[in-house]
Amino acid sequence: MQAIAILATLDTKADEARYLQRLIRERGWLTTVLDVGLGEAPEGLADVTAETVACAAGTTVRDLRAERRRDQVMEAMGRGAGRLLK
């Protein structure tokens, strides 16, 4: 069975991600949570960590944190998440 992906910035949206995860699982579906944020995420919520997402984009969370342009950070995390979801 395929899983429904939940992409969230878990440093700020962990409660919302947990809520979606619960609703989806209550309906019998599997979930995969991908953290696309750069802050500290709660332990154990992400199935795919922000570091893994960043690595899929060819970078690291540390390097992205040093990046000053938010649009470039968002693009990199989106690219990494897209590669992992394929």
N, C-alpha and C. Protein backbone atom coordinates (compact mmCIF):
# COMPACT_ATOMS: atom_id res chain seq x y z
N MET A 1 0.84 -1.19 0.00
CA MET A 1 0.00 0.00 0.00
C MET A 1 0.88 1.24 0.00
N GLN A 2 0.55 2.19 -0.83
CA GLN A 2 1.29 3.44 -0.88
C GLN A 2 0.91 4.33 0.30
N ALA A 3 1.81 5.23 0.64
CA ALA A 3 1.57 6.16 1.75
C ALA A 3 1.25 7.55 1.20
N ILE A 4 0.53 8.29 2.00
CA ILE A 4 0.27 9.70 1.70
C ILE A 4 1.38 10.50 2.35
N ALA A 5 2.04 11.33 1.56
CA ALA A 5 3.15 12.14 2.06
C ALA A 5 2.61 13.42 2.70
N ILE A 6 3.17 13.72 3.86
CA ILE A 6 2.87 14.98 4.56
C ILE A 6 4.18 15.74 4.61
N LEU A 7 4.24 16.86 3.89
CA LEU A 7 5.42 17.71 3.91
C LEU A 7 5.14 18.87 4.85
N ALA A 8 6.01 19.07 5.83
CA ALA A 8 5.78 20.12 6.81
C ALA A 8 7.09 20.64 7.36
N THR A 9 7.08 21.89 7.75
CA THR A 9 8.20 22.45 8.50
C THR A 9 7.93 22.11 9.96
N LEU A 10 8.49 21.02 10.40
CA LEU A 10 8.14 20.47 11.71
C LEU A 10 8.61 21.32 12.87
N ASP A 11 9.52 22.24 12.64
CA ASP A 11 9.93 23.13 13.72
C ASP A 11 8.79 24.08 14.12
N THR A 12 7.91 24.36 13.19
CA THR A 12 6.79 25.28 13.49
C THR A 12 5.41 24.65 13.29
N LYS A 13 5.33 23.56 12.56
CA LYS A 13 4.03 22.98 12.21
C LYS A 13 3.90 21.52 12.64
N ALA A 14 4.57 21.13 13.69
CA ALA A 14 4.52 19.74 14.16
C ALA A 14 3.11 19.35 14.58
N ASP A 15 2.42 20.22 15.31
CA ASP A 15 1.07 19.89 15.76
C ASP A 15 0.13 19.67 14.58
N GLU A 16 0.25 20.52 13.57
CA GLU A 16 -0.58 20.38 12.38
C GLU A 16 -0.26 19.09 11.62
N ALA A 17 1.02 18.76 11.54
CA ALA A 17 1.42 17.52 10.86
C ALA A 17 0.89 16.30 11.60
N ARG A 18 0.98 16.32 12.94
CA ARG A 18 0.44 15.21 13.74
C ARG A 18 -1.07 15.07 13.53
N TYR A 19 -1.77 16.19 13.46
CA TYR A 19 -3.21 16.19 13.25
C TYR A 19 -3.55 15.55 11.90
N LEU A 20 -2.88 15.99 10.85
CA LEU A 20 -3.11 15.40 9.52
C LEU A 20 -2.77 13.91 9.52
N GLN A 21 -1.67 13.57 10.16
CA GLN A 21 -1.26 12.18 10.22
C GLN A 21 -2.33 11.33 10.91
N ARG A 22 -2.86 11.83 11.99
CA ARG A 22 -3.91 11.09 12.72
C ARG A 22 -5.15 10.92 11.85
N LEU A 23 -5.61 11.99 11.20
CA LEU A 23 -6.80 11.91 10.36
C LEU A 23 -6.62 10.91 9.22
N ILE A 24 -5.45 10.95 8.60
CA ILE A 24 -5.19 10.06 7.46
C ILE A 24 -5.13 8.61 7.93
N ARG A 25 -4.45 8.37 9.04
CA ARG A 25 -4.32 7.01 9.55
C ARG A 25 -5.66 6.44 10.04
N GLU A 26 -6.50 7.31 10.60
CA GLU A 26 -7.83 6.87 11.04
C GLU A 26 -8.66 6.36 9.87
N ARG A 27 -8.35 6.81 8.68
CA ARG A 27 -9.07 6.38 7.49
C ARG A 27 -8.40 5.18 6.81
N GLY A 28 -7.39 4.62 7.47
CA GLY A 28 -6.77 3.40 6.99
C GLY A 28 -5.61 3.57 6.04
N TRP A 29 -5.11 4.78 5.88
CA TRP A 29 -4.00 5.02 4.97
C TRP A 29 -2.69 5.08 5.75
N LEU A 30 -1.62 4.77 5.07
CA LEU A 30 -0.28 4.95 5.62
C LEU A 30 0.18 6.38 5.38
N THR A 31 1.07 6.88 6.22
CA THR A 31 1.61 8.22 6.03
C THR A 31 3.13 8.17 6.05
N THR A 32 3.71 9.14 5.37
CA THR A 32 5.14 9.40 5.44
C THR A 32 5.30 10.89 5.66
N VAL A 33 5.94 11.25 6.77
CA VAL A 33 6.14 12.66 7.11
C VAL A 33 7.55 13.08 6.72
N LEU A 34 7.63 14.11 5.88
CA LEU A 34 8.90 14.68 5.47
C LEU A 34 9.05 16.05 6.11
N ASP A 35 10.17 16.26 6.79
CA ASP A 35 10.46 17.56 7.41
C ASP A 35 11.19 18.42 6.40
N VAL A 36 10.58 19.53 6.01
CA VAL A 36 11.21 20.46 5.08
C VAL A 36 11.61 21.77 5.76
N GLY A 37 11.63 21.76 7.09
CA GLY A 37 12.05 22.93 7.86
C GLY A 37 13.50 22.83 8.27
N LEU A 38 14.04 23.95 8.70
CA LEU A 38 15.45 23.99 9.09
C LEU A 38 15.66 24.13 10.59
N GLY A 39 14.58 24.26 11.34
CA GLY A 39 14.70 24.40 12.79
C GLY A 39 14.68 23.05 13.48
N GLU A 40 14.65 23.11 14.81
CA GLU A 40 14.63 21.88 15.61
C GLU A 40 13.24 21.26 15.56
N ALA A 41 13.18 20.03 15.09
CA ALA A 41 11.91 19.31 14.98
C ALA A 41 11.75 18.38 16.17
N PRO A 42 10.50 18.07 16.55
CA PRO A 42 10.28 17.10 17.62
C PRO A 42 10.82 15.73 17.22
N GLU A 43 11.38 15.05 18.19
CA GLU A 43 11.96 13.72 17.95
C GLU A 43 10.88 12.72 17.55
N GLY A 44 11.16 11.93 16.51
CA GLY A 44 10.31 10.81 16.16
C GLY A 44 9.13 11.09 15.25
N LEU A 45 8.86 12.34 14.92
CA LEU A 45 7.71 12.64 14.06
C LEU A 45 8.04 12.44 12.58
N ALA A 46 9.22 12.88 12.18
CA ALA A 46 9.61 12.80 10.77
C ALA A 46 10.03 11.38 10.40
N ASP A 47 9.44 10.89 9.33
CA ASP A 47 9.92 9.65 8.73
C ASP A 47 11.15 9.94 7.88
N VAL A 48 11.18 11.15 7.32
CA VAL A 48 12.31 11.61 6.52
C VAL A 48 12.75 12.95 7.11
N THR A 49 13.98 12.99 7.61
CA THR A 49 14.47 14.19 8.30
C THR A 49 14.80 15.31 7.33
N ALA A 50 14.91 16.51 7.86
CA ALA A 50 15.31 17.66 7.06
C ALA A 50 16.69 17.45 6.46
N GLU A 51 17.58 16.81 7.20
CA GLU A 51 18.93 16.55 6.68
C GLU A 51 18.87 15.64 5.46
N THR A 52 18.01 14.65 5.49
CA THR A 52 17.86 13.75 4.34
C THR A 52 17.30 14.50 3.14
N VAL A 53 16.34 15.36 3.38
CA VAL A 53 15.75 16.17 2.31
C VAL A 53 16.81 17.09 1.71
N ALA A 54 17.57 17.77 2.57
CA ALA A 54 18.63 18.67 2.10
C ALA A 54 19.68 17.90 1.30
N CYS A 55 20.05 16.73 1.79
CA CYS A 55 21.04 15.89 1.11
C CYS A 55 20.56 15.50 -0.29
N ALA A 56 19.28 15.21 -0.42
CA ALA A 56 18.71 14.87 -1.73
C ALA A 56 18.80 16.04 -2.70
N ALA A 57 18.91 17.26 -2.16
CA ALA A 57 19.05 18.45 -2.99
C ALA A 57 20.52 18.80 -3.21
N GLY A 58 21.42 18.00 -2.65
CA GLY A 58 22.84 18.24 -2.84
C GLY A 58 23.44 19.24 -1.87
N THR A 59 22.83 19.38 -0.71
CA THR A 59 23.32 20.34 0.28
C THR A 59 23.12 19.77 1.68
N THR A 60 23.28 20.60 2.68
CA THR A 60 23.06 20.19 4.07
C THR A 60 22.20 21.23 4.77
N VAL A 61 21.60 20.82 5.87
CA VAL A 61 20.82 21.77 6.68
C VAL A 61 21.72 22.90 7.16
N ARG A 62 22.92 22.56 7.56
CA ARG A 62 23.86 23.58 8.05
C ARG A 62 24.12 24.64 6.98
N ASP A 63 24.38 24.19 5.76
CA ASP A 63 24.63 25.15 4.67
C ASP A 63 23.39 25.98 4.37
N LEU A 64 22.23 25.34 4.40
CA LEU A 64 21.00 26.09 4.13
C LEU A 64 20.70 27.10 5.23
N ARG A 65 21.01 26.77 6.47
CA ARG A 65 20.82 27.73 7.57
C ARG A 65 21.70 28.96 7.38
N ALA A 66 22.85 28.78 6.77
CA ALA A 66 23.77 29.90 6.52
C ALA A 66 23.32 30.75 5.33
N GLU A 67 22.47 30.19 4.49
CA GLU A 67 21.97 30.90 3.31
C GLU A 67 21.03 32.02 3.76
N ARG A 68 21.21 33.19 3.23
CA ARG A 68 20.39 34.34 3.63
C ARG A 68 19.12 34.50 2.80
N ARG A 69 19.08 33.90 1.64
CA ARG A 69 17.92 34.07 0.77
C ARG A 69 16.93 32.94 0.98
N ARG A 70 15.80 33.31 1.55
CA ARG A 70 14.76 32.32 1.86
C ARG A 70 14.27 31.60 0.61
N ASP A 71 14.17 32.30 -0.51
CA ASP A 71 13.68 31.66 -1.73
C ASP A 71 14.62 30.53 -2.17
N GLN A 72 15.92 30.70 -1.99
CA GLN A 72 16.86 29.64 -2.37
C GLN A 72 16.77 28.46 -1.42
N VAL A 73 16.57 28.74 -0.14
CA VAL A 73 16.40 27.67 0.85
C VAL A 73 15.15 26.86 0.53
N MET A 74 14.05 27.55 0.27
CA MET A 74 12.79 26.88 -0.03
C MET A 74 12.90 26.07 -1.32
N GLU A 75 13.59 26.61 -2.30
CA GLU A 75 13.77 25.89 -3.56
C GLU A 75 14.57 24.62 -3.35
N ALA A 76 15.62 24.70 -2.56
CA ALA A 76 16.46 23.52 -2.32
C ALA A 76 15.67 22.43 -1.58
N MET A 77 14.94 22.81 -0.55
CA MET A 77 14.18 21.82 0.20
C MET A 77 13.05 21.23 -0.65
N GLY A 78 12.44 22.04 -1.47
CA GLY A 78 11.42 21.54 -2.39
C GLY A 78 11.99 20.58 -3.41
N ARG A 79 13.18 20.90 -3.93
CA ARG A 79 13.83 20.03 -4.89
C ARG A 79 14.19 18.70 -4.24
N GLY A 80 14.74 18.76 -3.04
CA GLY A 80 15.09 17.53 -2.32
C GLY A 80 13.88 16.67 -2.02
N ALA A 81 12.80 17.29 -1.56
CA ALA A 81 11.58 16.54 -1.26
C ALA A 81 11.03 15.91 -2.54
N GLY A 82 11.05 16.66 -3.63
CA GLY A 82 10.56 16.13 -4.89
C GLY A 82 11.35 14.91 -5.35
N ARG A 83 12.64 14.97 -5.20
CA ARG A 83 13.48 13.81 -5.59
C ARG A 83 13.16 12.59 -4.73
N LEU A 84 12.97 12.81 -3.45
CA LEU A 84 12.67 11.68 -2.56
C LEU A 84 11.29 11.10 -2.83
N LEU A 85 10.35 11.94 -3.20
CA LEU A 85 8.99 11.46 -3.45
C LEU A 85 8.87 10.68 -4.75
N LYS A 86 9.77 10.91 -5.68
CA LYS A 86 9.74 10.17 -6.95
C LYS A 86 10.04 8.73 -6.66
